[in-house]
């Protein structure tokens, strides 16, 4: 039995862990799943936070509950936060699970070039006296084409600034600083965080284990919660035995 803290991804919330939480609790684990500021039922922060501020939020959440010998699960954006926390070597952290984790900034690509090109066109369009009914479809098309749908659907201005900050941060240099046992879980069909990122993390996080899930996309704990719960339970139990 272990305490497990689940950190959700961008645009989601703690509710995304409902199925996984039930399955882990049936195995005897105690599960905690906070809503990060700006997601779920939590209000946005007053200023544009980066990964550091979100990591402090999760650390404070853990310390307020006096969790000991806990495991940290981070999905996507939550994986970025989990990497930052694990790299600081918190004494009570026993293990790390990264699921389709973000944190590796992609090299300039065709998609980025398309986004920049259409953004320039968009600025020209918006500078003209064009009917608002036309502007919105243009904006939506630009963000859809570039793959930045998360950005387009943001409502609070501060969350747009936060989004721009977190996607610019590359955590590759932090991987080798992680000293706790680490399980990396990835969907083979993940289109948001490419499978190549999983291999990069596996190569650079000492002693890490990689599990690739067939037919699964960007949200393993939603698409196959039973499999994820099984992998986590096995990982935790084997780690507990090894540490005795």
C-alpha atoms as a PDB file:
ATOM      1  CA  UNK A   1       0.000   0.000   0.000  1.00  0.00           C
ATOM      2  CA  UNK A   2       1.297   3.460  -0.844  1.00  0.00           C
ATOM      3  CA  UNK A   3       0.289   7.096  -1.002  1.00  0.00           C
ATOM      4  CA  UNK A   4       0.008   8.172  -4.640  1.00  0.00           C
ATOM      5  CA  UNK A   5      -0.315  11.746  -5.918  1.00  0.00           C
ATOM      6  CA  UNK A   6      -1.790  12.097  -9.417  1.00  0.00           C
ATOM      7  CA  UNK A   7      -0.982  15.287 -11.342  1.00  0.00           C
ATOM      8  CA  UNK A   8      -3.228  15.901 -14.343  1.00  0.00           C
ATOM      9  CA  UNK A   9      -2.412  17.276 -17.769  1.00  0.00           C
ATOM     10  CA  UNK A  10      -3.225  20.560 -19.481  1.00  0.00           C
ATOM     11  CA  UNK A  11      -6.887  21.386 -19.969  1.00  0.00           C
ATOM     12  CA  UNK A  12      -7.984  18.534 -17.768  1.00  0.00           C
ATOM     13  CA  UNK A  13      -8.479  18.197 -14.029  1.00  0.00           C
ATOM     14  CA  UNK A  14      -8.572  15.686 -11.220  1.00  0.00           C
ATOM     15  CA  UNK A  15     -11.816  14.192 -12.607  1.00  0.00           C
ATOM     16  CA  UNK A  16      -9.804  12.672 -15.446  1.00  0.00           C
ATOM     17  CA  UNK A  17      -8.344  10.278 -12.872  1.00  0.00           C
ATOM     18  CA  UNK A  18     -11.673   8.988 -11.543  1.00  0.00           C
ATOM     19  CA  UNK A  19     -11.415   5.507 -13.078  1.00  0.00           C
ATOM     20  CA  UNK A  20      -7.727   5.075 -12.228  1.00  0.00           C
ATOM     21  CA  UNK A  21      -8.285   6.323  -8.682  1.00  0.00           C
ATOM     22  CA  UNK A  22     -10.969   3.699  -8.010  1.00  0.00           C
ATOM     23  CA  UNK A  23      -8.774   0.898  -9.363  1.00  0.00           C
ATOM     24  CA  UNK A  24      -5.754   1.943  -7.303  1.00  0.00           C
ATOM     25  CA  UNK A  25      -7.824   2.282  -4.147  1.00  0.00           C
ATOM     26  CA  UNK A  26      -9.159  -1.239  -4.688  1.00  0.00           C
ATOM     27  CA  UNK A  27      -5.538  -2.373  -4.546  1.00  0.00           C
ATOM     28  CA  UNK A  28      -5.134  -0.716  -1.158  1.00  0.00           C
ATOM     29  CA  UNK A  29      -3.405   2.505  -2.198  1.00  0.00           C
ATOM     30  CA  UNK A  30      -4.342   5.954  -0.896  1.00  0.00           C
ATOM     31  CA  UNK A  31      -4.775   8.305  -3.848  1.00  0.00           C
ATOM     32  CA  UNK A  32      -4.622  12.106  -3.951  1.00  0.00           C
ATOM     33  CA  UNK A  33      -5.524  14.111  -7.069  1.00  0.00           C
ATOM     34  CA  UNK A  34      -5.512  17.910  -6.780  1.00  0.00           C
ATOM     35  CA  UNK A  35      -6.884  20.320  -9.352  1.00  0.00           C
ATOM     36  CA  UNK A  36      -4.005  22.516 -10.480  1.00  0.00           C
ATOM     37  CA  UNK A  37      -4.721  26.278 -10.412  1.00  0.00           C
ATOM     38  CA  UNK A  38      -6.633  27.186 -13.551  1.00  0.00           C
ATOM     39  CA  UNK A  39      -8.067  23.698 -14.109  1.00  0.00           C
ATOM     40  CA  UNK A  40     -10.997  21.687 -12.821  1.00  0.00           C
ATOM     41  CA  UNK A  41     -12.675  23.646 -10.038  1.00  0.00           C
ATOM     42  CA  UNK A  42      -9.516  25.584  -9.128  1.00  0.00           C
ATOM     43  CA  UNK A  43      -9.278  29.293  -9.947  1.00  0.00           C
ATOM     44  CA  UNK A  44      -6.427  30.512 -12.176  1.00  0.00           C
ATOM     45  CA  UNK A  45      -3.396  32.059 -10.491  1.00  0.00           C
ATOM     46  CA  UNK A  46      -3.188  35.849 -10.397  1.00  0.00           C
ATOM     47  CA  UNK A  47       0.007  35.895 -12.450  1.00  0.00           C
ATOM     48  CA  UNK A  48       1.394  33.795 -15.289  1.00  0.00           C
ATOM     49  CA  UNK A  49       2.939  30.775 -13.590  1.00  0.00           C
ATOM     50  CA  UNK A  50       5.600  28.568 -15.080  1.00  0.00           C
ATOM     51  CA  UNK A  51       6.556  24.980 -14.265  1.00  0.00           C
ATOM     52  CA  UNK A  52       8.440  26.122 -11.148  1.00  0.00           C
ATOM     53  CA  UNK A  53       5.362  27.721  -9.590  1.00  0.00           C
ATOM     54  CA  UNK A  54       3.193  24.697 -10.342  1.00  0.00           C
ATOM     55  CA  UNK A  55       5.869  22.432  -8.857  1.00  0.00           C
ATOM     56  CA  UNK A  56       5.832  24.514  -5.675  1.00  0.00           C
ATOM     57  CA  UNK A  57       2.031  24.210  -5.578  1.00  0.00           C
ATOM     58  CA  UNK A  58       2.215  20.396  -5.756  1.00  0.00           C
ATOM     59  CA  UNK A  59       5.040  20.270  -3.216  1.00  0.00           C
ATOM     60  CA  UNK A  60       3.012  22.399  -0.791  1.00  0.00           C
ATOM     61  CA  UNK A  61      -0.028  20.189  -1.378  1.00  0.00           C
ATOM     62  CA  UNK A  62       2.041  17.140  -0.429  1.00  0.00           C
ATOM     63  CA  UNK A  63       3.637  18.765   2.604  1.00  0.00           C
ATOM     64  CA  UNK A  64       0.306  20.002   3.977  1.00  0.00           C
ATOM     65  CA  UNK A  65      -0.916  16.411   3.984  1.00  0.00           C
ATOM     66  CA  UNK A  66       2.308  15.153   5.540  1.00  0.00           C
ATOM     67  CA  UNK A  67       2.592  12.410   2.931  1.00  0.00           C
ATOM     68  CA  UNK A  68       5.430   9.966   3.535  1.00  0.00           C
ATOM     69  CA  UNK A  69       6.960   7.465   1.148  1.00  0.00           C
ATOM     70  CA  UNK A  70       4.670   8.633  -1.651  1.00  0.00           C
ATOM     71  CA  UNK A  71       4.649   8.010  -5.392  1.00  0.00           C
ATOM     72  CA  UNK A  72       4.105  10.729  -7.977  1.00  0.00           C
ATOM     73  CA  UNK A  73       2.213  10.199 -11.244  1.00  0.00           C
ATOM     74  CA  UNK A  74       2.393  12.976 -13.820  1.00  0.00           C
ATOM     75  CA  UNK A  75       0.469  13.028 -17.091  1.00  0.00           C
ATOM     76  CA  UNK A  76       1.457  15.330 -19.975  1.00  0.00           C
ATOM     77  CA  UNK A  77       1.801  18.846 -18.479  1.00  0.00           C
ATOM     78  CA  UNK A  78       1.599  17.169 -15.068  1.00  0.00           C
ATOM     79  CA  UNK A  79       4.602  15.120 -16.150  1.00  0.00           C
ATOM     80  CA  UNK A  80       6.597  18.319 -16.577  1.00  0.00           C
ATOM     81  CA  UNK A  81       5.718  19.272 -13.024  1.00  0.00           C
ATOM     82  CA  UNK A  82       6.581  15.792 -11.755  1.00  0.00           C
ATOM     83  CA  UNK A  83       9.987  15.870 -13.474  1.00  0.00           C
ATOM     84  CA  UNK A  84      10.812  19.216 -11.866  1.00  0.00           C
ATOM     85  CA  UNK A  85       9.810  17.907  -8.439  1.00  0.00           C
ATOM     86  CA  UNK A  86      11.649  14.599  -8.772  1.00  0.00           C
ATOM     87  CA  UNK A  87      14.817  16.319  -9.985  1.00  0.00           C
ATOM     88  CA  UNK A  88      14.988  18.276  -6.714  1.00  0.00           C
ATOM     89  CA  UNK A  89      15.188  14.933  -4.872  1.00  0.00           C
ATOM     90  CA  UNK A  90      12.407  15.329  -2.303  1.00  0.00           C
ATOM     91  CA  UNK A  91      13.283  13.032   0.590  1.00  0.00           C
ATOM     92  CA  UNK A  92       9.873  11.377   0.834  1.00  0.00           C
ATOM     93  CA  UNK A  93       9.431  10.603  -2.878  1.00  0.00           C
ATOM     94  CA  UNK A  94       9.746   6.844  -3.388  1.00  0.00           C
ATOM     95  CA  UNK A  95       9.032   6.590  -7.085  1.00  0.00           C
ATOM     96  CA  UNK A  96       7.942   8.448 -10.215  1.00  0.00           C
ATOM     97  CA  UNK A  97       5.471   7.467 -12.933  1.00  0.00           C
ATOM     98  CA  UNK A  98       5.512   9.567 -16.108  1.00  0.00           C
ATOM     99  CA  UNK A  99       2.591   9.068 -18.502  1.00  0.00           C
ATOM    100  CA  UNK A 100       2.850  10.693 -21.931  1.00  0.00           C
ATOM    101  CA  UNK A 101       4.843  13.401 -20.198  1.00  0.00           C
ATOM    102  CA  UNK A 102       5.568  16.754 -21.797  1.00  0.00           C
ATOM    103  CA  UNK A 103       8.823  18.595 -21.223  1.00  0.00           C
ATOM    104  CA  UNK A 104      10.899  18.044 -24.344  1.00  0.00           C
ATOM    105  CA  UNK A 105      10.714  21.083 -26.570  1.00  0.00           C
ATOM    106  CA  UNK A 106      10.410  19.983 -30.213  1.00  0.00           C
ATOM    107  CA  UNK A 107      12.785  21.203 -32.856  1.00  0.00           C
ATOM    108  CA  UNK A 108      11.379  23.688 -35.390  1.00  0.00           C
ATOM    109  CA  UNK A 109       9.113  21.757 -37.719  1.00  0.00           C
ATOM    110  CA  UNK A 110       6.858  22.229 -40.698  1.00  0.00           C
ATOM    111  CA  UNK A 111       3.928  22.591 -38.276  1.00  0.00           C
ATOM    112  CA  UNK A 112       5.669  25.453 -36.496  1.00  0.00           C
ATOM    113  CA  UNK A 113       6.459  27.130 -39.798  1.00  0.00           C
ATOM    114  CA  UNK A 114       2.823  26.823 -40.850  1.00  0.00           C
ATOM    115  CA  UNK A 115       1.697  28.337 -37.555  1.00  0.00           C
ATOM    116  CA  UNK A 116       4.103  31.261 -37.917  1.00  0.00           C
ATOM    117  CA  UNK A 117       3.074  31.854 -41.536  1.00  0.00           C
ATOM    118  CA  UNK A 118      -0.648  31.863 -40.835  1.00  0.00           C
ATOM    119  CA  UNK A 119      -0.162  33.887 -37.672  1.00  0.00           C
ATOM    120  CA  UNK A 120       1.426  36.611 -39.789  1.00  0.00           C
ATOM    121  CA  UNK A 121      -1.508  36.456 -42.180  1.00  0.00           C
ATOM    122  CA  UNK A 122      -3.886  36.523 -39.241  1.00  0.00           C
ATOM    123  CA  UNK A 123      -2.324  39.707 -37.903  1.00  0.00           C
ATOM    124  CA  UNK A 124      -2.798  41.382 -41.254  1.00  0.00           C
ATOM    125  CA  UNK A 125      -6.401  40.215 -41.422  1.00  0.00           C
ATOM    126  CA  UNK A 126      -7.155  41.462 -37.921  1.00  0.00           C
ATOM    127  CA  UNK A 127      -5.530  44.823 -38.664  1.00  0.00           C
ATOM    128  CA  UNK A 128      -7.994  45.391 -41.486  1.00  0.00           C
ATOM    129  CA  UNK A 129     -11.602  46.364 -41.032  1.00  0.00           C
ATOM    130  CA  UNK A 130     -12.889  42.808 -41.377  1.00  0.00           C
ATOM    131  CA  UNK A 131     -16.201  41.614 -39.984  1.00  0.00           C
ATOM    132  CA  UNK A 132     -15.817  39.838 -36.653  1.00  0.00           C
ATOM    133  CA  UNK A 133     -17.818  36.915 -38.056  1.00  0.00           C
ATOM    134  CA  UNK A 134     -14.873  36.271 -40.398  1.00  0.00           C
ATOM    135  CA  UNK A 135     -12.077  36.828 -37.882  1.00  0.00           C
ATOM    136  CA  UNK A 136     -13.030  34.049 -35.503  1.00  0.00           C
ATOM    137  CA  UNK A 137     -13.086  31.237 -38.104  1.00  0.00           C
ATOM    138  CA  UNK A 138      -9.683  32.425 -39.341  1.00  0.00           C
ATOM    139  CA  UNK A 139      -8.240  32.311 -35.814  1.00  0.00           C
ATOM    140  CA  UNK A 140      -9.718  28.888 -35.199  1.00  0.00           C
ATOM    141  CA  UNK A 141      -8.314  27.567 -38.486  1.00  0.00           C
ATOM    142  CA  UNK A 142      -4.817  28.872 -37.706  1.00  0.00           C
ATOM    143  CA  UNK A 143      -4.702  27.180 -34.310  1.00  0.00           C
ATOM    144  CA  UNK A 144      -6.250  23.975 -35.643  1.00  0.00           C
ATOM    145  CA  UNK A 145      -3.763  23.780 -38.491  1.00  0.00           C
ATOM    146  CA  UNK A 146      -0.791  24.313 -36.187  1.00  0.00           C
ATOM    147  CA  UNK A 147      -1.997  21.757 -33.663  1.00  0.00           C
ATOM    148  CA  UNK A 148      -2.338  24.368 -30.900  1.00  0.00           C
ATOM    149  CA  UNK A 149      -6.021  23.679 -30.204  1.00  0.00           C
ATOM    150  CA  UNK A 150      -5.381  23.862 -26.453  1.00  0.00           C
ATOM    151  CA  UNK A 151      -4.321  27.489 -26.862  1.00  0.00           C
ATOM    152  CA  UNK A 152      -7.336  28.454 -28.929  1.00  0.00           C
ATOM    153  CA  UNK A 153      -9.801  27.113 -26.359  1.00  0.00           C
ATOM    154  CA  UNK A 154      -8.258  28.928 -23.390  1.00  0.00           C
ATOM    155  CA  UNK A 155     -10.558  31.518 -21.859  1.00  0.00           C
ATOM    156  CA  UNK A 156      -8.687  33.371 -19.099  1.00  0.00           C
ATOM    157  CA  UNK A 157      -5.935  35.651 -20.501  1.00  0.00           C
ATOM    158  CA  UNK A 158      -3.530  34.577 -17.739  1.00  0.00           C
ATOM    159  CA  UNK A 159      -3.916  30.931 -18.802  1.00  0.00           C
ATOM    160  CA  UNK A 160      -2.864  31.838 -22.337  1.00  0.00           C
ATOM    161  CA  UNK A 161       0.313  33.379 -20.931  1.00  0.00           C
ATOM    162  CA  UNK A 162       0.900  30.314 -18.760  1.00  0.00           C
ATOM    163  CA  UNK A 163       0.430  28.044 -21.769  1.00  0.00           C
ATOM    164  CA  UNK A 164       3.029  29.969 -23.750  1.00  0.00           C
ATOM    165  CA  UNK A 165       5.480  29.764 -20.838  1.00  0.00           C
ATOM    166  CA  UNK A 166       5.171  26.050 -20.157  1.00  0.00           C
ATOM    167  CA  UNK A 167       5.449  24.895 -23.769  1.00  0.00           C
ATOM    168  CA  UNK A 168       8.693  26.860 -24.153  1.00  0.00           C
ATOM    169  CA  UNK A 169      10.390  25.121 -21.241  1.00  0.00           C
ATOM    170  CA  UNK A 170      12.635  22.155 -22.058  1.00  0.00           C
ATOM    171  CA  UNK A 171      13.377  19.813 -19.147  1.00  0.00           C
ATOM    172  CA  UNK A 172      15.838  17.496 -20.877  1.00  0.00           C
ATOM    173  CA  UNK A 173      18.685  18.579 -18.583  1.00  0.00           C
ATOM    174  CA  UNK A 174      16.626  17.568 -15.541  1.00  0.00           C
ATOM    175  CA  UNK A 175      16.196  13.910 -16.512  1.00  0.00           C
ATOM    176  CA  UNK A 176      19.632  12.787 -15.328  1.00  0.00           C
ATOM    177  CA  UNK A 177      19.024  14.469 -11.967  1.00  0.00           C
ATOM    178  CA  UNK A 178      16.188  12.053 -11.181  1.00  0.00           C
ATOM    179  CA  UNK A 179      17.436   9.442  -8.736  1.00  0.00           C
ATOM    180  CA  UNK A 180      14.212   7.678  -7.703  1.00  0.00           C
ATOM    181  CA  UNK A 181      12.874   4.567  -9.475  1.00  0.00           C
ATOM    182  CA  UNK A 182      10.928   5.713 -12.529  1.00  0.00           C
ATOM    183  CA  UNK A 183       8.252   4.053 -14.657  1.00  0.00           C
ATOM    184  CA  UNK A 184       7.500   5.625 -18.044  1.00  0.00           C
ATOM    185  CA  UNK A 185       4.108   4.765 -19.576  1.00  0.00           C
ATOM    186  CA  UNK A 186       3.317   5.814 -23.151  1.00  0.00           C
ATOM    187  CA  UNK A 187       0.682   5.161 -25.785  1.00  0.00           C
ATOM    188  CA  UNK A 188       2.123   4.012 -29.083  1.00  0.00           C
ATOM    189  CA  UNK A 189      -0.392   6.199 -30.934  1.00  0.00           C
ATOM    190  CA  UNK A 190       0.218   9.364 -28.916  1.00  0.00           C
ATOM    191  CA  UNK A 191      -0.038  12.347 -31.270  1.00  0.00           C
ATOM    192  CA  UNK A 192       0.490  15.038 -28.617  1.00  0.00           C
ATOM    193  CA  UNK A 193       3.764  13.856 -27.082  1.00  0.00           C
ATOM    194  CA  UNK A 194       5.570  11.674 -29.625  1.00  0.00           C
ATOM    195  CA  UNK A 195       6.838   8.223 -28.730  1.00  0.00           C
ATOM    196  CA  UNK A 196      10.370   9.436 -29.454  1.00  0.00           C
ATOM    197  CA  UNK A 197      10.092  11.561 -26.290  1.00  0.00           C
ATOM    198  CA  UNK A 198       9.443   8.409 -24.258  1.00  0.00           C
ATOM    199  CA  UNK A 199      12.667   6.880 -25.536  1.00  0.00           C
ATOM    200  CA  UNK A 200      14.579  10.090 -24.800  1.00  0.00           C
ATOM    201  CA  UNK A 201      13.338  10.083 -21.209  1.00  0.00           C
ATOM    202  CA  UNK A 202      14.056   6.370 -20.833  1.00  0.00           C
ATOM    203  CA  UNK A 203      17.612   6.859 -22.101  1.00  0.00           C
ATOM    204  CA  UNK A 204      18.327   9.826 -19.846  1.00  0.00           C
ATOM    205  CA  UNK A 205      16.555   8.907 -16.590  1.00  0.00           C
ATOM    206  CA  UNK A 206      18.881   6.486 -14.771  1.00  0.00           C
ATOM    207  CA  UNK A 207      17.417   3.025 -14.246  1.00  0.00           C
ATOM    208  CA  UNK A 208      14.024   3.926 -15.686  1.00  0.00           C
ATOM    209  CA  UNK A 209      11.607   1.375 -17.121  1.00  0.00           C
ATOM    210  CA  UNK A 210       9.544   2.014 -20.263  1.00  0.00           C
ATOM    211  CA  UNK A 211       6.130   0.485 -20.995  1.00  0.00           C
ATOM    212  CA  UNK A 212       4.615   1.174 -24.427  1.00  0.00           C
ATOM    213  CA  UNK A 213       0.873   0.526 -24.651  1.00  0.00           C
ATOM    214  CA  UNK A 214      -0.451  -0.796 -27.959  1.00  0.00           C
ATOM    215  CA  UNK A 215      -3.386   1.002 -29.518  1.00  0.00           C
ATOM    216  CA  UNK A 216      -3.320   3.747 -26.886  1.00  0.00           C
ATOM    217  CA  UNK A 217      -3.097   7.501 -27.465  1.00  0.00           C
ATOM    218  CA  UNK A 218      -2.249  10.450 -25.225  1.00  0.00           C
ATOM    219  CA  UNK A 219      -4.320   9.526 -22.145  1.00  0.00           C
ATOM    220  CA  UNK A 220      -3.401   6.011 -20.959  1.00  0.00           C
ATOM    221  CA  UNK A 221      -5.184   6.355 -17.600  1.00  0.00           C
ATOM    222  CA  UNK A 222      -8.421   7.216 -19.425  1.00  0.00           C
ATOM    223  CA  UNK A 223      -8.109   4.820 -22.362  1.00  0.00           C
ATOM    224  CA  UNK A 224      -6.901   1.774 -20.416  1.00  0.00           C
ATOM    225  CA  UNK A 225      -7.088   2.515 -16.663  1.00  0.00           C
ATOM    226  CA  UNK A 226      -6.976  -1.183 -15.734  1.00  0.00           C
ATOM    227  CA  UNK A 227      -3.633  -1.663 -17.492  1.00  0.00           C
ATOM    228  CA  UNK A 228      -2.168   1.517 -16.012  1.00  0.00           C
ATOM    229  CA  UNK A 229      -3.316   0.558 -12.506  1.00  0.00           C
ATOM    230  CA  UNK A 230      -1.760  -2.886 -12.942  1.00  0.00           C
ATOM    231  CA  UNK A 231       1.556  -1.419 -14.120  1.00  0.00           C
ATOM    232  CA  UNK A 232       1.621   1.080 -11.265  1.00  0.00           C
ATOM    233  CA  UNK A 233       0.754  -1.546  -8.650  1.00  0.00           C
ATOM    234  CA  UNK A 234       3.473  -3.903  -9.895  1.00  0.00           C
ATOM    235  CA  UNK A 235       6.000  -1.064 -10.010  1.00  0.00           C
ATOM    236  CA  UNK A 236       5.195   0.073  -6.470  1.00  0.00           C
ATOM    237  CA  UNK A 237       5.233  -3.438  -5.021  1.00  0.00           C
ATOM    238  CA  UNK A 238       8.533  -4.349  -6.675  1.00  0.00           C
ATOM    239  CA  UNK A 239      10.060  -1.083  -5.516  1.00  0.00           C
ATOM    240  CA  UNK A 240       8.880  -1.654  -1.953  1.00  0.00           C
ATOM    241  CA  UNK A 241      10.405  -5.147  -1.924  1.00  0.00           C
ATOM    242  CA  UNK A 242      13.704  -3.864  -3.335  1.00  0.00           C
ATOM    243  CA  UNK A 243      13.929  -1.132  -0.694  1.00  0.00           C
ATOM    244  CA  UNK A 244      13.541  -3.497   2.260  1.00  0.00           C
END
